[in-house]
Amino acid sequence: MPTPDASATFHGWKIVLVSFLALFVSVGFGFYSFGAFFVALTEEFGGGRTGVGVGLALFGITNGLVAPFLGSALDRGHAKRIMLWGAWLLAFGLLLTAAVRNLMQFYLVLGTLLSLGAALIGGVTASTLVANWYVRKRAMALGIATMGISLSGVVMAPVSTRLISLVGWRGTFVIYGALTLLFVVPAVRRWVVDRPEDIGLHPDGDVTSPVAGWSPAPIVSSASRRPHWTEPLRSRNFWVIALVVSMNFCANSAILTHIIAHARDLGFPPLPASYALSTIAAMGVLGKVVFGWIGDRLSGRGALWLAIGLQASGSTGLLQAESYSGLLSAAAVFGLGMGGMMPLWGTLIGACFGRRSFGRVMGLMSPILLPIQILGVPFAGYVFDRSGTYDLAFAVFVCMYLSAMLVLFLLRTPAQEPTEAPVPTGLKTAANP
C-alpha cells in the first residue's frame, strides 16, 4: 500500500488519472465505438438498425440496475476491488466478443460482461473515487476525470473504424481487450486507494484539515451510524438533482444521437454533417475543465444553472441554424454546456450528501434517471417519422432545459458539506442542533 510522502505529488491526482482512464475505456470501448462495430457486425451477420437501439438499451439497463448496489459497496470502501473486477470483466468481454458467431451472441456479451465491466469501472465508481479524494477542488478534479468520456467521443469512433478496416472487427476487439489488460488493470492495482485517510492523507492534499474552515462534527456517541440506504429518498435535494439531471440527459442523448441526421436534413453532406457531433464532443472536453473551475468558485447550483442555459441556447441555435457556420457555432455552445453536466452532478451530490454517502446517493439516483432519460431518443425519432423534421423535438428539448433551470431553484445546498458520521435521529449537538 502506498505511504504518504510530503515531497511527492498529491496522490489524488493519480486517482484522477486512473478515473480518466477508466471512463475513457468504459465509455469509449463500450459505447462510442459501438456504431462502428455495429456496421461491421450487421454486414457479417445481418440485422437492421433496430438492433442498435436493442444493444444500447441492454447496455444502459444493466448499468442502471447495478448502480444502487455498486454505490453502497463503494461507500463501504471497496473501490479498488470493484475496479479490478470491472477491468477484468471488461477485458474478458472484449476478448470473448471477438469469438461471437451472431448478433444474439454479441448482445448477450454486451448486456452481461461488457456492460457489467463498464459499470464497475465507469461513472458511479470513478466519480465516487474522485469525490472521496477532493472537497474544495472536487469540481475541477471531477471535470478532469470525466474528460475521459468526452475524449472517447472524439477519438473512438474514427479509431475503431480505422482499426476495423486494417485488422477486422474481431481483431479490433482483441486489441481493445489487450489494452485493457495492459494498462487499466495495472493502473488500478498500483494507484487506486479508496480514501486519502487510508494512507494518512487528507482530501485536496491539505496538511491538517479536509477543508479550510471545515471540521467534522464531534463524535457524540458510539451509536453514530451511517444512514440507511433509503434515507436519501426522503430528501428534497435528492429529487431535485435527479429531476434536473434526468431532463438534461434525456435531451442530451437525443440531440447527440440525431444531430448528424439533423445536419444532413439541413442539406449538408455526410462528412461535414458528422463534424457537428465532433464539435459537441470536443467542446465537451473544454466544458468539463471550464465548469470544473467555475464549480469550485461558485455554488454548484449556479454553475449547473449556467451549463443548462448554454445547452438551451445551443439547442435553440441548432433548431434555427441555416448556414454551416451557424450549425457548428450552435454545436459548440451546446457542447460547452453539456460538458459541465457530469462533474457538476457529482459536485452537487457531494455538497448535499457528503463524501461518505456519495456512492450510495449516485448509485441510487442512476436507475431513477432512466424512465425520463431513455425517452429522448425514441421521441425525437417518432417526431421526425411523423413530421419529416426535428423542429418540434428540438423545441421540446429547449423547454426541458428551461424547466430544469426553474426546478434547480428548489435546491437547498447546505452551508457546509454533511459530516462523515451522521448523528442519530433525536440526538443533538452543537454541530447538529
Protein backbone atom coordinates (compact mmCIF):
# COMPACT_ATOMS: atom_id res chain seq x y z
CA MET A 1 0.00 0.00 0.00
CA PRO A 2 1.31 3.49 -0.81
CA THR A 3 2.68 5.56 2.05
CA PRO A 4 2.33 9.33 2.37
CA ASP A 5 5.24 11.43 1.17
CA ALA A 6 5.04 15.16 1.76
CA SER A 7 7.54 15.83 -1.02
CA ALA A 8 5.62 13.84 -3.60
CA THR A 9 2.77 15.00 -5.79
CA PHE A 10 -0.57 14.58 -4.05
CA HIS A 11 -1.75 11.02 -4.67
CA GLY A 12 -5.22 12.32 -5.52
CA TRP A 13 -4.01 13.31 -8.99
CA LYS A 14 -3.09 9.69 -9.66
CA ILE A 15 -6.67 8.85 -8.64
CA VAL A 16 -7.91 11.39 -11.18
CA LEU A 17 -5.67 9.85 -13.86
CA VAL A 18 -6.93 6.32 -13.18
CA SER A 19 -10.53 7.56 -13.20
CA PHE A 20 -9.90 9.37 -16.51
CA LEU A 21 -8.51 6.16 -18.00
CA ALA A 22 -11.36 4.05 -16.61
CA LEU A 23 -14.01 6.40 -18.03
CA PHE A 24 -12.28 6.60 -21.39
CA VAL A 25 -12.15 2.81 -21.68
CA SER A 26 -15.59 2.03 -20.26
CA VAL A 27 -17.39 4.62 -22.41
CA GLY A 28 -15.12 4.50 -25.45
CA PHE A 29 -14.84 0.72 -25.80
CA GLY A 30 -18.36 0.04 -24.58
CA PHE A 31 -20.39 2.89 -26.12
CA TYR A 32 -18.81 5.36 -28.55
CA SER A 33 -17.20 2.66 -30.72
CA PHE A 34 -20.47 0.71 -30.78
CA GLY A 35 -21.70 2.27 -34.01
CA ALA A 36 -18.57 1.32 -35.93
CA PHE A 37 -18.74 -2.27 -34.71
CA PHE A 38 -22.45 -2.50 -35.40
CA VAL A 39 -21.92 -1.70 -39.08
CA ALA A 40 -19.30 -4.43 -39.35
CA LEU A 41 -21.42 -6.94 -37.40
CA THR A 42 -24.55 -6.35 -39.47
CA GLU A 43 -22.55 -6.76 -42.66
CA GLU A 44 -21.42 -10.19 -41.46
CA PHE A 45 -24.47 -11.40 -39.52
CA GLY A 46 -27.32 -9.33 -40.96
CA GLY A 47 -29.91 -7.42 -38.97
CA GLY A 48 -31.44 -3.98 -39.18
CA ARG A 49 -30.79 -0.70 -37.44
CA THR A 50 -33.27 -1.58 -34.74
CA GLY A 51 -30.51 -3.70 -33.31
CA VAL A 52 -28.51 -0.57 -32.42
CA GLY A 53 -31.27 0.50 -30.06
CA VAL A 54 -31.53 -3.00 -28.58
CA GLY A 55 -27.82 -3.14 -27.85
CA LEU A 56 -27.68 0.34 -26.32
CA ALA A 57 -30.77 -0.38 -24.24
CA LEU A 58 -29.22 -3.56 -22.82
CA PHE A 59 -26.04 -1.68 -22.02
CA GLY A 60 -27.93 1.14 -20.26
CA ILE A 61 -30.33 -1.11 -18.36
CA THR A 62 -27.53 -3.20 -16.88
CA ASN A 63 -25.67 -0.06 -15.80
CA GLY A 64 -28.81 1.34 -14.19
CA LEU A 65 -29.69 -1.86 -12.32
CA VAL A 66 -26.18 -2.38 -10.98
CA ALA A 67 -25.66 1.21 -9.81
CA PRO A 68 -27.56 1.13 -6.44
CA PHE A 69 -25.67 -1.98 -5.23
CA LEU A 70 -22.43 -0.57 -6.57
CA GLY A 71 -22.88 2.73 -4.71
CA SER A 72 -23.35 1.04 -1.33
CA ALA A 73 -20.27 -1.13 -1.83
CA LEU A 74 -18.21 1.92 -2.78
CA ASP A 75 -19.22 3.78 0.37
CA ARG A 76 -18.03 0.79 2.40
CA GLY A 77 -14.54 1.19 0.90
CA HIS A 78 -14.29 -1.40 -1.86
CA ALA A 79 -13.40 0.84 -4.83
CA LYS A 80 -10.11 -0.88 -5.70
CA ARG A 81 -11.63 -4.35 -5.60
CA ILE A 82 -14.63 -3.22 -7.66
CA MET A 83 -12.48 -1.53 -10.30
CA LEU A 84 -10.21 -4.57 -10.62
CA TRP A 85 -13.20 -6.85 -11.14
CA GLY A 86 -14.60 -4.37 -13.65
CA ALA A 87 -11.37 -4.16 -15.64
CA TRP A 88 -11.04 -7.95 -15.79
CA LEU A 89 -14.70 -8.40 -16.80
CA LEU A 90 -14.45 -5.71 -19.48
CA ALA A 91 -11.25 -7.17 -20.89
CA PHE A 92 -12.66 -10.71 -20.89
CA GLY A 93 -15.88 -9.46 -22.51
CA LEU A 94 -13.97 -7.69 -25.27
CA LEU A 95 -11.87 -10.79 -25.98
CA LEU A 96 -14.94 -13.04 -25.89
CA THR A 97 -16.78 -10.75 -28.31
CA ALA A 98 -14.11 -11.48 -30.90
CA ALA A 99 -15.43 -15.07 -30.95
CA VAL A 100 -19.19 -14.40 -31.29
CA ARG A 101 -20.94 -16.01 -34.26
CA ASN A 102 -24.18 -14.00 -34.50
CA LEU A 103 -25.80 -10.80 -33.29
CA MET A 104 -27.64 -12.53 -30.46
CA GLN A 105 -24.36 -13.74 -29.00
CA PHE A 106 -22.97 -10.23 -29.36
CA TYR A 107 -25.89 -8.70 -27.48
CA LEU A 108 -25.60 -11.39 -24.81
CA VAL A 109 -21.98 -10.45 -24.17
CA LEU A 110 -22.79 -6.73 -24.42
CA GLY A 111 -25.62 -6.99 -21.90
CA THR A 112 -23.59 -9.01 -19.37
CA LEU A 113 -19.79 -8.93 -19.32
CA LEU A 114 -19.23 -5.70 -21.26
CA SER A 115 -21.94 -3.64 -19.56
CA LEU A 116 -21.16 -5.02 -16.09
CA GLY A 117 -17.44 -4.42 -16.53
CA ALA A 118 -18.08 -0.90 -17.81
CA ALA A 119 -20.40 -0.23 -14.85
CA LEU A 120 -17.84 -1.42 -12.30
CA ILE A 121 -15.10 0.91 -13.58
CA GLY A 122 -17.34 3.60 -15.05
CA GLY A 123 -19.34 6.64 -13.97
CA VAL A 124 -20.51 5.83 -10.43
CA THR A 125 -17.23 4.20 -9.39
CA ALA A 126 -14.88 6.76 -10.93
CA SER A 127 -16.93 9.73 -9.69
CA THR A 128 -17.19 8.32 -6.16
CA LEU A 129 -13.46 7.62 -6.03
CA VAL A 130 -12.57 11.18 -7.10
CA ALA A 131 -15.15 12.66 -4.71
CA ASN A 132 -13.54 10.73 -1.85
CA TRP A 133 -10.22 12.46 -2.53
CA TYR A 134 -11.41 16.03 -3.12
CA VAL A 135 -13.74 18.51 -1.42
CA ARG A 136 -12.58 22.07 -2.18
CA LYS A 137 -11.24 21.08 -5.61
CA ARG A 138 -13.88 18.47 -6.31
CA ALA A 139 -15.49 20.13 -9.33
CA MET A 140 -12.15 20.57 -11.11
CA ALA A 141 -10.98 17.05 -10.24
CA LEU A 142 -14.27 15.56 -11.49
CA GLY A 143 -14.04 17.76 -14.58
CA ILE A 144 -10.58 16.43 -15.46
CA ALA A 145 -11.53 12.82 -14.73
CA THR A 146 -14.73 12.96 -16.79
CA MET A 147 -12.81 14.42 -19.72
CA GLY A 148 -12.19 10.75 -20.46
CA ILE A 149 -15.85 10.48 -21.51
CA SER A 150 -15.71 13.39 -23.95
CA LEU A 151 -12.31 12.46 -25.39
CA SER A 152 -13.53 8.94 -26.05
CA GLY A 153 -16.38 10.52 -28.00
CA VAL A 154 -13.91 12.46 -30.12
CA VAL A 155 -11.50 9.63 -30.96
CA MET A 156 -13.09 6.21 -30.52
CA ALA A 157 -15.47 6.10 -33.48
CA PRO A 158 -12.82 7.04 -36.10
CA VAL A 159 -10.15 4.91 -34.40
CA SER A 160 -12.46 1.90 -34.32
CA THR A 161 -13.43 2.43 -37.95
CA ARG A 162 -9.76 2.59 -38.98
CA LEU A 163 -8.78 -0.47 -36.96
CA ILE A 164 -11.68 -2.48 -38.34
CA SER A 165 -10.52 -1.64 -41.87
CA LEU A 166 -6.98 -2.80 -41.00
CA VAL A 167 -7.43 -5.88 -38.79
CA GLY A 168 -11.17 -6.58 -38.95
CA TRP A 169 -13.73 -6.19 -36.19
CA ARG A 170 -12.62 -9.36 -34.40
CA GLY A 171 -9.01 -8.19 -34.33
CA THR A 172 -10.12 -4.78 -33.05
CA PHE A 173 -11.96 -6.35 -30.12
CA VAL A 174 -8.83 -8.36 -29.30
CA ILE A 175 -6.74 -5.17 -29.36
CA TYR A 176 -9.16 -3.38 -27.03
CA GLY A 177 -9.24 -6.32 -24.63
CA ALA A 178 -5.45 -6.49 -24.59
CA LEU A 179 -5.13 -2.73 -23.98
CA THR A 180 -7.49 -3.03 -21.02
CA LEU A 181 -5.34 -5.79 -19.52
CA LEU A 182 -2.08 -3.98 -20.22
CA PHE A 183 -3.00 -0.51 -18.97
CA VAL A 184 -6.19 -0.40 -16.90
CA VAL A 185 -5.62 -3.43 -14.66
CA PRO A 186 -2.05 -2.41 -13.63
CA ALA A 187 -3.06 1.24 -13.08
CA VAL A 188 -5.94 0.24 -10.80
CA ARG A 189 -3.81 -2.29 -8.93
CA ARG A 190 -0.96 0.16 -8.32
CA TRP A 191 -2.66 3.51 -7.70
CA VAL A 192 -6.25 3.12 -6.51
CA VAL A 193 -6.74 3.86 -2.80
CA ASP A 194 -10.30 4.30 -1.57
CA ARG A 195 -9.80 7.41 0.56
CA PRO A 196 -6.87 9.68 1.45
CA GLU A 197 -7.29 8.80 5.14
CA ASP A 198 -6.33 5.22 4.27
CA ILE A 199 -2.73 6.35 3.69
CA GLY A 200 -2.60 9.14 6.26
CA LEU A 201 -3.58 12.00 3.93
CA HIS A 202 -6.45 14.48 3.81
CA PRO A 203 -8.76 15.46 0.92
CA ASP A 204 -7.31 18.02 -1.52
CA GLY A 205 -3.82 17.36 -0.15
CA ASP A 206 -4.43 19.58 2.88
CA VAL A 207 -1.95 19.22 5.73
CA THR A 208 -4.28 19.02 8.72
CA SER A 209 -7.94 19.51 7.91
CA PRO A 210 -10.07 18.37 4.97
CA VAL A 211 -11.20 21.88 4.11
CA ALA A 212 -10.16 25.27 5.37
CA GLY A 213 -12.78 26.38 7.84
CA TRP A 214 -14.40 22.94 7.83
CA SER A 215 -14.29 20.42 10.64
CA PRO A 216 -16.27 17.26 11.19
CA ALA A 217 -18.96 17.16 13.83
CA PRO A 218 -17.74 15.85 17.17
CA ILE A 219 -18.24 12.20 17.90
CA VAL A 220 -21.23 12.20 20.21
CA SER A 221 -21.90 8.54 20.70
CA SER A 222 -20.77 5.10 19.66
CA ALA A 223 -24.28 4.82 18.23
CA SER A 224 -23.36 7.23 15.43
CA ARG A 225 -24.33 5.47 12.26
CA ARG A 226 -24.30 5.57 8.51
CA PRO A 227 -27.75 6.46 7.15
CA HIS A 228 -29.98 3.71 5.79
CA TRP A 229 -29.76 3.36 2.03
CA THR A 230 -33.31 4.66 1.55
CA GLU A 231 -32.81 7.87 3.54
CA PRO A 232 -31.76 9.98 0.52
CA LEU A 233 -35.21 9.28 -0.96
CA ARG A 234 -36.69 11.46 1.78
CA SER A 235 -34.53 14.42 0.79
CA ARG A 236 -35.92 17.13 -1.48
CA ASN A 237 -32.41 17.79 -2.78
CA PHE A 238 -32.18 14.18 -3.99
CA TRP A 239 -35.31 14.51 -6.13
CA VAL A 240 -34.40 17.98 -7.39
CA ILE A 241 -30.98 16.79 -8.59
CA ALA A 242 -32.47 13.61 -10.08
CA LEU A 243 -35.15 15.51 -12.00
CA VAL A 244 -32.74 18.15 -13.30
CA VAL A 245 -30.13 15.61 -14.39
CA SER A 246 -32.67 13.23 -15.96
CA MET A 247 -34.21 16.02 -18.07
CA ASN A 248 -30.75 17.06 -19.23
CA PHE A 249 -29.65 13.52 -20.06
CA CYS A 250 -32.95 12.92 -21.91
CA ALA A 251 -32.43 15.92 -24.18
CA ASN A 252 -28.66 15.43 -24.49
CA SER A 253 -28.85 11.80 -25.60
CA ALA A 254 -31.46 12.62 -28.23
CA ILE A 255 -29.53 15.56 -29.65
CA LEU A 256 -26.28 13.58 -29.73
CA THR A 257 -27.99 10.65 -31.46
CA HIS A 258 -29.86 12.70 -34.06
CA ILE A 259 -27.53 15.67 -34.66
CA ILE A 260 -25.86 14.17 -37.74
CA ALA A 261 -29.21 13.26 -39.29
CA HIS A 262 -30.47 16.77 -38.47
CA ALA A 263 -27.43 18.32 -40.14
CA ARG A 264 -27.95 16.20 -43.24
CA ASP A 265 -31.61 17.22 -43.33
CA LEU A 266 -30.39 20.82 -43.45
CA GLY A 267 -28.61 19.94 -46.69
CA PHE A 268 -25.03 19.33 -45.54
CA PRO A 269 -23.06 16.33 -46.92
CA PRO A 270 -22.37 13.33 -44.62
CA LEU A 271 -18.77 14.19 -43.66
CA PRO A 272 -19.38 17.87 -42.84
CA ALA A 273 -22.56 16.82 -41.02
CA SER A 274 -20.54 14.44 -38.82
CA TYR A 275 -18.36 17.34 -37.69
CA ALA A 276 -21.34 18.72 -35.77
CA LEU A 277 -21.10 15.73 -33.42
CA SER A 278 -17.31 16.02 -33.26
CA THR A 279 -17.66 19.70 -32.34
CA ILE A 280 -20.04 18.86 -29.49
CA ALA A 281 -17.68 16.18 -28.15
CA ALA A 282 -14.59 18.38 -28.44
CA MET A 283 -16.28 21.30 -26.70
CA GLY A 284 -17.47 18.85 -24.05
CA VAL A 285 -13.80 18.28 -23.16
CA LEU A 286 -13.33 22.01 -22.67
CA GLY A 287 -16.63 22.30 -20.82
CA LYS A 288 -15.54 19.80 -18.18
CA VAL A 289 -12.47 21.88 -17.34
CA VAL A 290 -14.27 25.22 -17.53
CA PHE A 291 -17.16 24.14 -15.33
CA GLY A 292 -14.81 22.30 -13.01
CA TRP A 293 -13.05 25.62 -12.45
CA ILE A 294 -16.34 27.51 -12.10
CA GLY A 295 -17.87 24.90 -9.81
CA ASP A 296 -15.01 25.24 -7.31
CA ARG A 297 -15.50 29.02 -7.17
CA LEU A 298 -19.25 29.48 -7.48
CA SER A 299 -22.01 27.42 -5.96
CA GLY A 300 -22.58 24.10 -7.71
CA ARG A 301 -26.16 25.18 -8.33
CA GLY A 302 -25.09 28.41 -10.03
CA ALA A 303 -22.55 26.61 -12.21
CA LEU A 304 -25.11 23.99 -13.24
CA TRP A 305 -27.67 26.70 -13.99
CA LEU A 306 -25.15 28.29 -16.36
CA ALA A 307 -24.33 24.95 -18.02
CA ILE A 308 -28.01 24.21 -18.63
CA GLY A 309 -28.51 27.71 -20.01
CA LEU A 310 -25.74 27.13 -22.55
CA GLN A 311 -27.36 23.86 -23.60
CA ALA A 312 -30.70 25.63 -24.06
CA SER A 313 -29.03 28.35 -26.13
CA GLY A 314 -27.12 25.83 -28.21
CA SER A 315 -30.25 23.74 -28.83
CA THR A 316 -32.10 26.87 -29.96
CA GLY A 317 -29.24 27.61 -32.34
CA LEU A 318 -29.36 24.07 -33.75
CA LEU A 319 -33.08 24.47 -34.31
CA GLN A 320 -32.66 27.77 -36.15
CA ALA A 321 -29.37 27.07 -37.98
CA GLU A 322 -29.38 27.65 -41.72
CA SER A 323 -25.68 28.06 -42.51
CA TYR A 324 -22.89 25.59 -41.78
CA SER A 325 -21.07 28.10 -39.58
CA GLY A 326 -24.28 28.66 -37.64
CA LEU A 327 -24.68 24.91 -37.14
CA LEU A 328 -21.14 24.45 -35.81
CA SER A 329 -21.38 27.54 -33.60
CA ALA A 330 -24.57 26.25 -32.02
CA ALA A 331 -23.00 22.80 -31.60
CA ALA A 332 -20.00 24.40 -29.86
CA VAL A 333 -22.21 26.32 -27.38
CA PHE A 334 -24.27 23.19 -26.72
CA GLY A 335 -21.17 21.02 -26.22
CA LEU A 336 -19.59 23.51 -23.81
CA GLY A 337 -22.65 23.41 -21.56
CA MET A 338 -23.11 19.66 -21.90
CA GLY A 339 -19.52 19.09 -20.79
CA GLY A 340 -20.34 20.50 -17.37
CA MET A 341 -23.12 18.04 -16.56
CA MET A 342 -21.12 15.06 -15.21
CA PRO A 343 -18.69 16.98 -12.96
CA LEU A 344 -21.41 19.29 -11.65
CA TRP A 345 -23.77 16.38 -10.96
CA GLY A 346 -21.06 14.89 -8.76
CA THR A 347 -20.28 18.25 -7.20
CA LEU A 348 -23.90 18.75 -6.09
CA ILE A 349 -24.19 15.22 -4.69
CA GLY A 350 -21.04 15.77 -2.65
CA ALA A 351 -22.18 19.17 -1.42
CA CYS A 352 -25.64 17.93 -0.40
CA PHE A 353 -24.84 14.44 0.94
CA GLY A 354 -21.12 14.30 1.75
CA ARG A 355 -18.24 12.02 0.85
CA ARG A 356 -19.32 9.03 2.90
CA SER A 357 -22.69 8.80 1.16
CA PHE A 358 -21.58 9.85 -2.32
CA GLY A 359 -21.52 6.41 -3.94
CA ARG A 360 -24.80 5.34 -2.35
CA VAL A 361 -26.60 8.50 -3.49
CA MET A 362 -25.23 8.46 -7.04
CA GLY A 363 -25.91 4.74 -7.33
CA LEU A 364 -29.46 5.11 -6.01
CA MET A 365 -30.10 8.04 -8.32
CA SER A 366 -28.88 6.32 -11.50
CA PRO A 367 -31.86 3.96 -12.08
CA ILE A 368 -34.28 6.75 -11.11
CA LEU A 369 -32.94 8.78 -14.04
CA LEU A 370 -33.72 6.03 -16.57
CA PRO A 371 -37.51 6.48 -17.07
CA ILE A 372 -37.06 10.06 -18.26
CA GLN A 373 -33.56 9.67 -19.67
CA ILE A 374 -34.44 6.94 -22.17
CA LEU A 375 -37.42 8.81 -23.68
CA GLY A 376 -35.46 11.39 -25.65
CA VAL A 377 -34.03 9.26 -28.47
CA PRO A 378 -37.26 7.44 -29.45
CA PHE A 379 -39.31 10.64 -29.00
CA ALA A 380 -37.13 12.56 -31.46
CA GLY A 381 -37.31 9.65 -33.92
CA TYR A 382 -41.09 9.48 -33.59
CA VAL A 383 -41.44 13.22 -34.20
CA PHE A 384 -39.29 13.01 -37.30
CA ASP A 385 -41.17 9.99 -38.65
CA ARG A 386 -44.49 11.82 -38.25
CA SER A 387 -43.47 15.29 -39.44
CA GLY A 388 -40.30 14.86 -41.51
CA THR A 389 -38.40 17.31 -39.29
CA TYR A 390 -36.85 17.50 -35.84
CA ASP A 391 -38.19 21.02 -35.18
CA LEU A 392 -40.84 20.02 -32.64
CA ALA A 393 -38.49 17.63 -30.83
CA PHE A 394 -35.73 20.23 -30.50
CA ALA A 395 -38.27 22.80 -29.30
CA VAL A 396 -39.46 20.36 -26.62
CA PHE A 397 -35.86 19.79 -25.54
CA VAL A 398 -35.31 23.55 -25.19
CA CYS A 399 -38.39 23.66 -22.95
CA MET A 400 -36.96 20.79 -20.91
CA TYR A 401 -33.73 22.70 -20.33
CA LEU A 402 -35.65 25.81 -19.27
CA SER A 403 -37.81 23.70 -16.94
CA ALA A 404 -34.69 22.16 -15.41
CA MET A 405 -33.33 25.64 -14.73
CA LEU A 406 -36.53 26.51 -12.87
CA VAL A 407 -36.52 23.26 -10.88
CA LEU A 408 -32.93 23.95 -9.85
CA PHE A 409 -34.11 26.94 -7.80
CA LEU A 410 -35.70 24.42 -5.40
CA LEU A 411 -32.28 23.03 -4.46
CA ARG A 412 -31.06 23.98 -0.98
CA THR A 413 -27.34 23.28 -0.71
CA PRO A 414 -26.08 23.03 2.90
CA ALA A 415 -23.72 25.76 4.07
CA GLN A 416 -21.21 23.01 4.92
CA GLU A 417 -20.82 19.58 3.38
CA PRO A 418 -22.53 16.96 5.59
CA THR A 419 -20.24 15.33 8.13
CA GLU A 420 -18.95 11.83 7.72
CA ALA A 421 -20.65 10.20 10.70
CA PRO A 422 -24.27 11.35 10.88
CA VAL A 423 -25.68 11.88 14.34
CA PRO A 424 -28.54 9.51 15.27
CA THR A 425 -32.04 10.91 14.97
CA GLY A 426 -33.08 12.83 18.09
CA LEU A 427 -29.50 13.28 19.39
CA LYS A 428 -28.49 16.95 19.29
CA THR A 429 -25.10 18.56 19.50
CA ALA A 430 -23.67 21.97 18.80
CA ALA A 431 -22.92 20.80 15.28
CA ASN A 432 -26.34 19.24 14.85
CA PRO A 433 -28.92 21.44 16.65
